Amino acid sequence: MKKFLSKIWSGWKRFAHILGRVNTEIILFLFYYLVFTPFGAALKLFGYDPLGSKVKGDSGWREVKIGEFDPEKASHQS
């Protein structure tokens, strides 16, 4: 009886592993194409550029405004 139940359990684990892989790939596929793709398309349509990747000029450098040195702020850095 123990061998029989062991074989059933082993078969169930194999089936569950395959089912889990298939479900994961289906869920990830649907999530990517039903959530990320429309969201990215909407951001691109409205011209949102959170990383500032559209830098004007050839070098890609950005001008940084440097303020006055504040020793109080500098002392709080770790």
PDB file of N, CA and C in Angstrom:
ATOM      1  N   MET A   1       0.822  -1.195   0.000  1.00  0.00           N
ATOM      2  CA  MET A   1       0.000   0.000   0.000  1.00  0.00           C
ATOM      3  C   MET A   1       0.869   1.263   0.000  1.00  0.00           C
ATOM      4  N   LYS A   2       1.984   1.193   0.743  1.00  0.00           N
ATOM      5  CA  LYS A   2       2.853   2.358   0.845  1.00  0.00           C
ATOM      6  C   LYS A   2       3.489   2.685  -0.509  1.00  0.00           C
ATOM      7  N   LYS A   3       3.903   1.654  -1.258  1.00  0.00           N
ATOM      8  CA  LYS A   3       4.498   1.882  -2.576  1.00  0.00           C
ATOM      9  C   LYS A   3       3.478   2.481  -3.541  1.00  0.00           C
ATOM     10  N   PHE A   4       2.255   1.992  -3.453  1.00  0.00           N
ATOM     11  CA  PHE A   4       1.195   2.486  -4.313  1.00  0.00           C
ATOM     12  C   PHE A   4       0.935   3.973  -4.050  1.00  0.00           C
ATOM     13  N   LEU A   5       0.808   4.345  -2.788  1.00  0.00           N
ATOM     14  CA  LEU A   5       0.574   5.748  -2.438  1.00  0.00           C
ATOM     15  C   LEU A   5       1.779   6.617  -2.797  1.00  0.00           C
ATOM     16  N   SER A   6       2.966   6.048  -2.665  1.00  0.00           N
ATOM     17  CA  SER A   6       4.180   6.775  -3.017  1.00  0.00           C
ATOM     18  C   SER A   6       4.211   7.073  -4.515  1.00  0.00           C
ATOM     19  N   LYS A   7       3.787   6.106  -5.344  1.00  0.00           N
ATOM     20  CA  LYS A   7       3.754   6.323  -6.786  1.00  0.00           C
ATOM     21  C   LYS A   7       2.702   7.369  -7.155  1.00  0.00           C
ATOM     22  N   ILE A   8       1.556   7.317  -6.496  1.00  0.00           N
ATOM     23  CA  ILE A   8       0.516   8.313  -6.749  1.00  0.00           C
ATOM     24  C   ILE A   8       1.017   9.697  -6.374  1.00  0.00           C
ATOM     25  N   TRP A   9       1.661   9.813  -5.216  1.00  0.00           N
ATOM     26  CA  TRP A   9       2.182  11.102  -4.759  1.00  0.00           C
ATOM     27  C   TRP A   9       3.254  11.631  -5.711  1.00  0.00           C
ATOM     28  N   SER A  10       4.123  10.751  -6.181  1.00  0.00           N
ATOM     29  CA  SER A  10       5.179  11.149  -7.098  1.00  0.00           C
ATOM     30  C   SER A  10       4.574  11.631  -8.430  1.00  0.00           C
ATOM     31  N   GLY A  11       3.581  10.935  -8.917  1.00  0.00           N
ATOM     32  CA  GLY A  11       2.907  11.342 -10.150  1.00  0.00           C
ATOM     33  C   GLY A  11       2.190  12.673  -9.985  1.00  0.00           C
ATOM     34  N   TRP A  12       1.548  12.849  -8.825  1.00  0.00           N
ATOM     35  CA  TRP A  12       0.859  14.109  -8.558  1.00  0.00           C
ATOM     36  C   TRP A  12       1.832  15.283  -8.524  1.00  0.00           C
ATOM     37  N   LYS A  13       3.005  15.083  -7.931  1.00  0.00           N
ATOM     38  CA  LYS A  13       4.004  16.152  -7.870  1.00  0.00           C
ATOM     39  C   LYS A  13       4.485  16.533  -9.262  1.00  0.00           C
ATOM     40  N   ARG A  14       4.704  15.528 -10.125  1.00  0.00           N
ATOM     41  CA  ARG A  14       5.109  15.821 -11.497  1.00  0.00           C
ATOM     42  C   ARG A  14       4.023  16.596 -12.237  1.00  0.00           C
ATOM     43  N   PHE A  15       2.775  16.154 -12.101  1.00  0.00           N
ATOM     44  CA  PHE A  15       1.651  16.828 -12.745  1.00  0.00           C
ATOM     45  C   PHE A  15       1.508  18.257 -12.235  1.00  0.00           C
ATOM     46  N   ALA A  16       1.600  18.452 -10.931  1.00  0.00           N
ATOM     47  CA  ALA A  16       1.454  19.780 -10.341  1.00  0.00           C
ATOM     48  C   ALA A  16       2.581  20.703 -10.794  1.00  0.00           C
ATOM     49  N   HIS A  17       3.780  20.164 -10.936  1.00  0.00           N
ATOM     50  CA  HIS A  17       4.907  20.976 -11.397  1.00  0.00           C
ATOM     51  C   HIS A  17       4.669  21.448 -12.832  1.00  0.00           C
ATOM     52  N   ILE A  18       4.241  20.556 -13.699  1.00  0.00           N
ATOM     53  CA  ILE A  18       3.960  20.919 -15.092  1.00  0.00           C
ATOM     54  C   ILE A  18       2.814  21.918 -15.156  1.00  0.00           C
ATOM     55  N   LEU A  19       1.751  21.673 -14.402  1.00  0.00           N
ATOM     56  CA  LEU A  19       0.612  22.576 -14.378  1.00  0.00           C
ATOM     57  C   LEU A  19       1.016  23.957 -13.877  1.00  0.00           C
ATOM     58  N   GLY A  20       1.859  24.009 -12.867  1.00  0.00           N
ATOM     59  CA  GLY A  20       2.343  25.283 -12.339  1.00  0.00           C
ATOM     60  C   GLY A  20       3.160  26.054 -13.360  1.00  0.00           C
ATOM     61  N   ARG A  21       4.014  25.353 -14.100  1.00  0.00           N
ATOM     62  CA  ARG A  21       4.815  26.019 -15.142  1.00  0.00           C
ATOM     63  C   ARG A  21       3.917  26.603 -16.235  1.00  0.00           C
ATOM     64  N   VAL A  22       2.949  25.820 -16.669  1.00  0.00           N
ATOM     65  CA  VAL A  22       2.043  26.279 -17.726  1.00  0.00           C
ATOM     66  C   VAL A  22       1.231  27.478 -17.233  1.00  0.00           C
ATOM     67  N   ASN A  23       0.678  27.378 -16.032  1.00  0.00           N
ATOM     68  CA  ASN A  23      -0.111  28.487 -15.493  1.00  0.00           C
ATOM     69  C   ASN A  23       0.733  29.744 -15.344  1.00  0.00           C
ATOM     70  N   THR A  24       1.951  29.595 -14.884  1.00  0.00           N
ATOM     71  CA  THR A  24       2.828  30.746 -14.708  1.00  0.00           C
ATOM     72  C   THR A  24       3.095  31.435 -16.033  1.00  0.00           C
ATOM     73  N   GLU A  25       3.396  30.666 -17.059  1.00  0.00           N
ATOM     74  CA  GLU A  25       3.694  31.263 -18.360  1.00  0.00           C
ATOM     75  C   GLU A  25       2.459  31.927 -18.958  1.00  0.00           C
ATOM     76  N   ILE A  26       1.295  31.321 -18.787  1.00  0.00           N
ATOM     77  CA  ILE A  26       0.061  31.926 -19.307  1.00  0.00           C
ATOM     78  C   ILE A  26      -0.249  33.221 -18.567  1.00  0.00           C
ATOM     79  N   ILE A  27      -0.147  33.190 -17.252  1.00  0.00           N
ATOM     80  CA  ILE A  27      -0.444  34.382 -16.453  1.00  0.00           C
ATOM     81  C   ILE A  27       0.531  35.504 -16.780  1.00  0.00           C
ATOM     82  N   LEU A  28       1.822  35.192 -16.881  1.00  0.00           N
ATOM     83  CA  LEU A  28       2.810  36.221 -17.199  1.00  0.00           C
ATOM     84  C   LEU A  28       2.598  36.776 -18.604  1.00  0.00           C
ATOM     85  N   PHE A  29       2.271  35.920 -19.550  1.00  0.00           N
ATOM     86  CA  PHE A  29       1.995  36.370 -20.914  1.00  0.00           C
ATOM     87  C   PHE A  29       0.819  37.336 -20.935  1.00  0.00           C
ATOM     88  N   LEU A  30      -0.271  36.944 -20.297  1.00  0.00           N
ATOM     89  CA  LEU A  30      -1.463  37.787 -20.280  1.00  0.00           C
ATOM     90  C   LEU A  30      -1.198  39.100 -19.552  1.00  0.00           C
ATOM     91  N   PHE A  31      -0.492  39.033 -18.418  1.00  0.00           N
ATOM     92  CA  PHE A  31      -0.196  40.236 -17.650  1.00  0.00           C
ATOM     93  C   PHE A  31       0.652  41.196 -18.472  1.00  0.00           C
ATOM     94  N   TYR A  32       1.644  40.666 -19.159  1.00  0.00           N
ATOM     95  CA  TYR A  32       2.527  41.517 -19.950  1.00  0.00           C
ATOM     96  C   TYR A  32       1.756  42.199 -21.069  1.00  0.00           C
ATOM     97  N   TYR A  33       0.978  41.430 -21.825  1.00  0.00           N
ATOM     98  CA  TYR A  33       0.309  41.995 -22.992  1.00  0.00           C
ATOM     99  C   TYR A  33      -0.986  42.723 -22.669  1.00  0.00           C
ATOM    100  N   LEU A  34      -1.590  42.475 -21.528  1.00  0.00           N
ATOM    101  CA  LEU A  34      -2.826  43.171 -21.187  1.00  0.00           C
ATOM    102  C   LEU A  34      -2.617  44.334 -20.216  1.00  0.00           C
ATOM    103  N   VAL A  35      -1.449  44.388 -19.550  1.00  0.00           N
ATOM    104  CA  VAL A  35      -1.191  45.466 -18.595  1.00  0.00           C
ATOM    105  C   VAL A  35      -0.016  46.329 -19.039  1.00  0.00           C
ATOM    106  N   PHE A  36       1.152  45.727 -19.177  1.00  0.00           N
ATOM    107  CA  PHE A  36       2.354  46.511 -19.475  1.00  0.00           C
ATOM    108  C   PHE A  36       2.329  47.149 -20.861  1.00  0.00           C
ATOM    109  N   THR A  37       1.911  46.412 -21.864  1.00  0.00           N
ATOM    110  CA  THR A  37       1.929  46.944 -23.221  1.00  0.00           C
ATOM    111  C   THR A  37       1.000  48.151 -23.386  1.00  0.00           C
ATOM    112  N   PRO A  38      -0.274  48.074 -22.962  1.00  0.00           N
ATOM    113  CA  PRO A  38      -1.125  49.265 -23.089  1.00  0.00           C
ATOM    114  C   PRO A  38      -0.635  50.440 -22.234  1.00  0.00           C
ATOM    115  N   PHE A  39      -0.101  50.137 -21.049  1.00  0.00           N
ATOM    116  CA  PHE A  39       0.408  51.192 -20.183  1.00  0.00           C
ATOM    117  C   PHE A  39       1.585  51.901 -20.832  1.00  0.00           C
ATOM    118  N   GLY A  40       2.524  51.132 -21.382  1.00  0.00           N
ATOM    119  CA  GLY A  40       3.671  51.718 -22.062  1.00  0.00           C
ATOM    120  C   GLY A  40       3.265  52.490 -23.299  1.00  0.00           C
ATOM    121  N   ALA A  41       2.278  51.964 -24.027  1.00  0.00           N
ATOM    122  CA  ALA A  41       1.803  52.665 -25.224  1.00  0.00           C
ATOM    123  C   ALA A  41       1.150  54.001 -24.840  1.00  0.00           C
ATOM    124  N   ALA A  42       0.393  54.006 -23.747  1.00  0.00           N
ATOM    125  CA  ALA A  42      -0.247  55.249 -23.304  1.00  0.00           C
ATOM    126  C   ALA A  42       0.802  56.272 -22.865  1.00  0.00           C
ATOM    127  N   LEU A  43       1.833  55.828 -22.153  1.00  0.00           N
ATOM    128  CA  LEU A  43       2.894  56.752 -21.740  1.00  0.00           C
ATOM    129  C   LEU A  43       3.615  57.329 -22.952  1.00  0.00           C
ATOM    130  N   LYS A  44       3.879  56.485 -23.927  1.00  0.00           N
ATOM    131  CA  LYS A  44       4.558  56.957 -25.128  1.00  0.00           C
ATOM    132  C   LYS A  44       3.661  57.912 -25.913  1.00  0.00           C
ATOM    133  N   LEU A  45       2.382  57.630 -25.964  1.00  0.00           N
ATOM    134  CA  LEU A  45       1.439  58.473 -26.684  1.00  0.00           C
ATOM    135  C   LEU A  45       1.387  59.877 -26.095  1.00  0.00           C
ATOM    136  N   PHE A  46       1.444  59.977 -24.758  1.00  0.00           N
ATOM    137  CA  PHE A  46       1.386  61.274 -24.095  1.00  0.00           C
ATOM    138  C   PHE A  46       2.756  61.904 -23.899  1.00  0.00           C
ATOM    139  N   GLY A  47       3.816  61.233 -24.352  1.00  0.00           N
ATOM    140  CA  GLY A  47       5.154  61.808 -24.315  1.00  0.00           C
ATOM    141  C   GLY A  47       5.811  61.816 -22.951  1.00  0.00           C
ATOM    142  N   TYR A  48       5.385  60.949 -22.052  1.00  0.00           N
ATOM    143  CA  TYR A  48       5.979  60.892 -20.717  1.00  0.00           C
ATOM    144  C   TYR A  48       7.345  60.218 -20.802  1.00  0.00           C
ATOM    145  N   ASP A  49       8.370  60.858 -20.257  1.00  0.00           N
ATOM    146  CA  ASP A  49       9.738  60.350 -20.303  1.00  0.00           C
ATOM    147  C   ASP A  49      10.345  60.428 -18.902  1.00  0.00           C
ATOM    148  N   PRO A  50      10.065  59.447 -18.030  1.00  0.00           N
ATOM    149  CA  PRO A  50      10.510  59.542 -16.643  1.00  0.00           C
ATOM    150  C   PRO A  50      12.022  59.474 -16.466  1.00  0.00           C
ATOM    151  N   LEU A  51      12.734  58.875 -17.402  1.00  0.00           N
ATOM    152  CA  LEU A  51      14.187  58.766 -17.275  1.00  0.00           C
ATOM    153  C   LEU A  51      14.918  59.914 -17.961  1.00  0.00           C
ATOM    154  N   GLY A  52      14.194  60.749 -18.640  1.00  0.00           N
ATOM    155  CA  GLY A  52      14.824  61.863 -19.340  1.00  0.00           C
ATOM    156  C   GLY A  52      15.757  61.389 -20.427  1.00  0.00           C
ATOM    157  N   SER A  53      15.387  60.344 -21.123  1.00  0.00           N
ATOM    158  CA  SER A  53      16.270  59.766 -22.127  1.00  0.00           C
ATOM    159  C   SER A  53      16.326  60.581 -23.410  1.00  0.00           C
ATOM    160  N   LYS A  54      15.406  61.499 -23.573  1.00  0.00           N
ATOM    161  CA  LYS A  54      15.422  62.341 -24.766  1.00  0.00           C
ATOM    162  C   LYS A  54      16.157  63.645 -24.451  1.00  0.00           C
ATOM    163  N   VAL A  55      17.462  63.552 -24.329  1.00  0.00           N
ATOM    164  CA  VAL A  55      18.282  64.711 -24.003  1.00  0.00           C
ATOM    165  C   VAL A  55      18.650  65.421 -25.293  1.00  0.00           C
ATOM    166  N   LYS A  56      18.547  66.729 -25.301  1.00  0.00           N
ATOM    167  CA  LYS A  56      18.900  67.499 -26.484  1.00  0.00           C
ATOM    168  C   LYS A  56      20.409  67.692 -26.515  1.00  0.00           C
ATOM    169  N   GLY A  57      20.969  67.559 -27.663  1.00  0.00           N
ATOM    170  CA  GLY A  57      22.408  67.706 -27.818  1.00  0.00           C
ATOM    171  C   GLY A  57      23.031  66.378 -28.191  1.00  0.00           C
ATOM    172  N   ASP A  58      24.318  66.428 -28.488  1.00  0.00           N
ATOM    173  CA  ASP A  58      24.992  65.223 -28.964  1.00  0.00           C
ATOM    174  C   ASP A  58      25.589  64.388 -27.844  1.00  0.00           C
ATOM    175  N   SER A  59      26.021  65.011 -26.764  1.00  0.00           N
ATOM    176  CA  SER A  59      26.810  64.295 -25.774  1.00  0.00           C
ATOM    177  C   SER A  59      25.988  63.512 -24.765  1.00  0.00           C
ATOM    178  N   GLY A  60      24.778  63.942 -24.503  1.00  0.00           N
ATOM    179  CA  GLY A  60      23.976  63.266 -23.496  1.00  0.00           C
ATOM    180  C   GLY A  60      24.177  63.820 -22.095  1.00  0.00           C
ATOM    181  N   TRP A  61      25.095  64.773 -21.949  1.00  0.00           N
ATOM    182  CA  TRP A  61      25.330  65.389 -20.648  1.00  0.00           C
ATOM    183  C   TRP A  61      24.220  66.381 -20.345  1.00  0.00           C
ATOM    184  N   ARG A  62      23.908  66.515 -19.072  1.00  0.00           N
ATOM    185  CA  ARG A  62      22.911  67.489 -18.637  1.00  0.00           C
ATOM    186  C   ARG A  62      23.578  68.544 -17.774  1.00  0.00           C
ATOM    187  N   GLU A  63      23.083  69.755 -17.876  1.00  0.00           N
ATOM    188  CA  GLU A  63      23.620  70.836 -17.060  1.00  0.00           C
ATOM    189  C   GLU A  63      23.047  70.709 -15.647  1.00  0.00           C
ATOM    190  N   VAL A  64      23.916  70.779 -14.670  1.00  0.00           N
ATOM    191  CA  VAL A  64      23.499  70.677 -13.274  1.00  0.00           C
ATOM    192  C   VAL A  64      23.780  71.995 -12.589  1.00  0.00           C
ATOM    193  N   LYS A  65      22.777  72.500 -11.896  1.00  0.00           N
ATOM    194  CA  LYS A  65      22.967  73.747 -11.159  1.00  0.00           C
ATOM    195  C   LYS A  65      23.504  73.403  -9.778  1.00  0.00           C
ATOM    196  N   ILE A  66      24.631  73.983  -9.462  1.00  0.00           N
ATOM    197  CA  ILE A  66      25.260  73.709  -8.178  1.00  0.00           C
ATOM    198  C   ILE A  66      24.961  74.870  -7.244  1.00  0.00           C
ATOM    199  N   GLY A  67      24.399  74.532  -6.098  1.00  0.00           N
ATOM    200  CA  GLY A  67      24.086  75.557  -5.112  1.00  0.00           C
ATOM    201  C   GLY A  67      25.284  75.841  -4.224  1.00  0.00           C
ATOM    202  N   GLU A  68      25.051  76.669  -3.246  1.00  0.00           N
ATOM    203  CA  GLU A  68      26.118  76.984  -2.292  1.00  0.00           C
ATOM    204  C   GLU A  68      26.383  75.784  -1.394  1.00  0.00           C
ATOM    205  N   PHE A  69      27.607  75.710  -0.908  1.00  0.00           N
ATOM    206  CA  PHE A  69      27.973  74.637   0.000  1.00  0.00           C
ATOM    207  C   PHE A  69      27.368  74.906   1.370  1.00  0.00           C
ATOM    208  N   ASP A  70      26.648  73.933   1.871  1.00  0.00           N
ATOM    209  CA  ASP A  70      26.028  74.055   3.187  1.00  0.00           C
ATOM    210  C   ASP A  70      26.627  72.988   4.097  1.00  0.00           C
ATOM    211  N   PRO A  71      27.496  73.383   5.072  1.00  0.00           N
ATOM    212  CA  PRO A  71      28.134  72.380   5.930  1.00  0.00           C
ATOM    213  C   PRO A  71      27.117  71.584   6.749  1.00  0.00           C
ATOM    214  N   GLU A  72      25.986  72.176   7.045  1.00  0.00           N
ATOM    215  CA  GLU A  72      24.956  71.462   7.839  1.00  0.00           C
ATOM    216  C   GLU A  72      24.413  70.275   7.059  1.00  0.00           C
ATOM    217  N   LYS A  73      24.108  70.479   5.785  1.00  0.00           N
ATOM    218  CA  LYS A  73      23.617  69.378   4.950  1.00  0.00           C
ATOM    219  C   LYS A  73      24.717  68.340   4.720  1.00  0.00           C
ATOM    220  N   ALA A  74      25.937  68.784   4.581  1.00  0.00           N
ATOM    221  CA  ALA A  74      27.053  67.861   4.336  1.00  0.00           C
ATOM    222  C   ALA A  74      27.326  66.988   5.547  1.00  0.00           C
ATOM    223  N   SER A  75      27.061  67.495   6.740  1.00  0.00           N
ATOM    224  CA  SER A  75      27.343  66.709   7.951  1.00  0.00           C
ATOM    225  C   SER A  75      26.341  65.567   8.133  1.00  0.00           C
ATOM    226  N   HIS A  76      25.192  65.626   7.453  1.00  0.00           N
ATOM    227  CA  HIS A  76      24.179  64.580   7.584  1.00  0.00           C
ATOM    228  C   HIS A  76      24.367  63.432   6.611  1.00  0.00           C
ATOM    229  N   GLN A  77      25.364  63.507   5.749  1.00  0.00           N
ATOM    230  CA  GLN A  77      25.595  62.426   4.793  1.00  0.00           C
ATOM    231  C   GLN A  77      26.314  61.285   5.494  1.00  0.00           C
ATOM    232  N   SER A  78      25.968  60.100   5.110  1.00  0.00           N
ATOM    233  CA  SER A  78      26.606  58.925   5.737  1.00  0.00           C
ATOM    234  C   SER A  78      27.710  58.407   4.867  1.00  0.00           C
TER     235      SER A  78
END
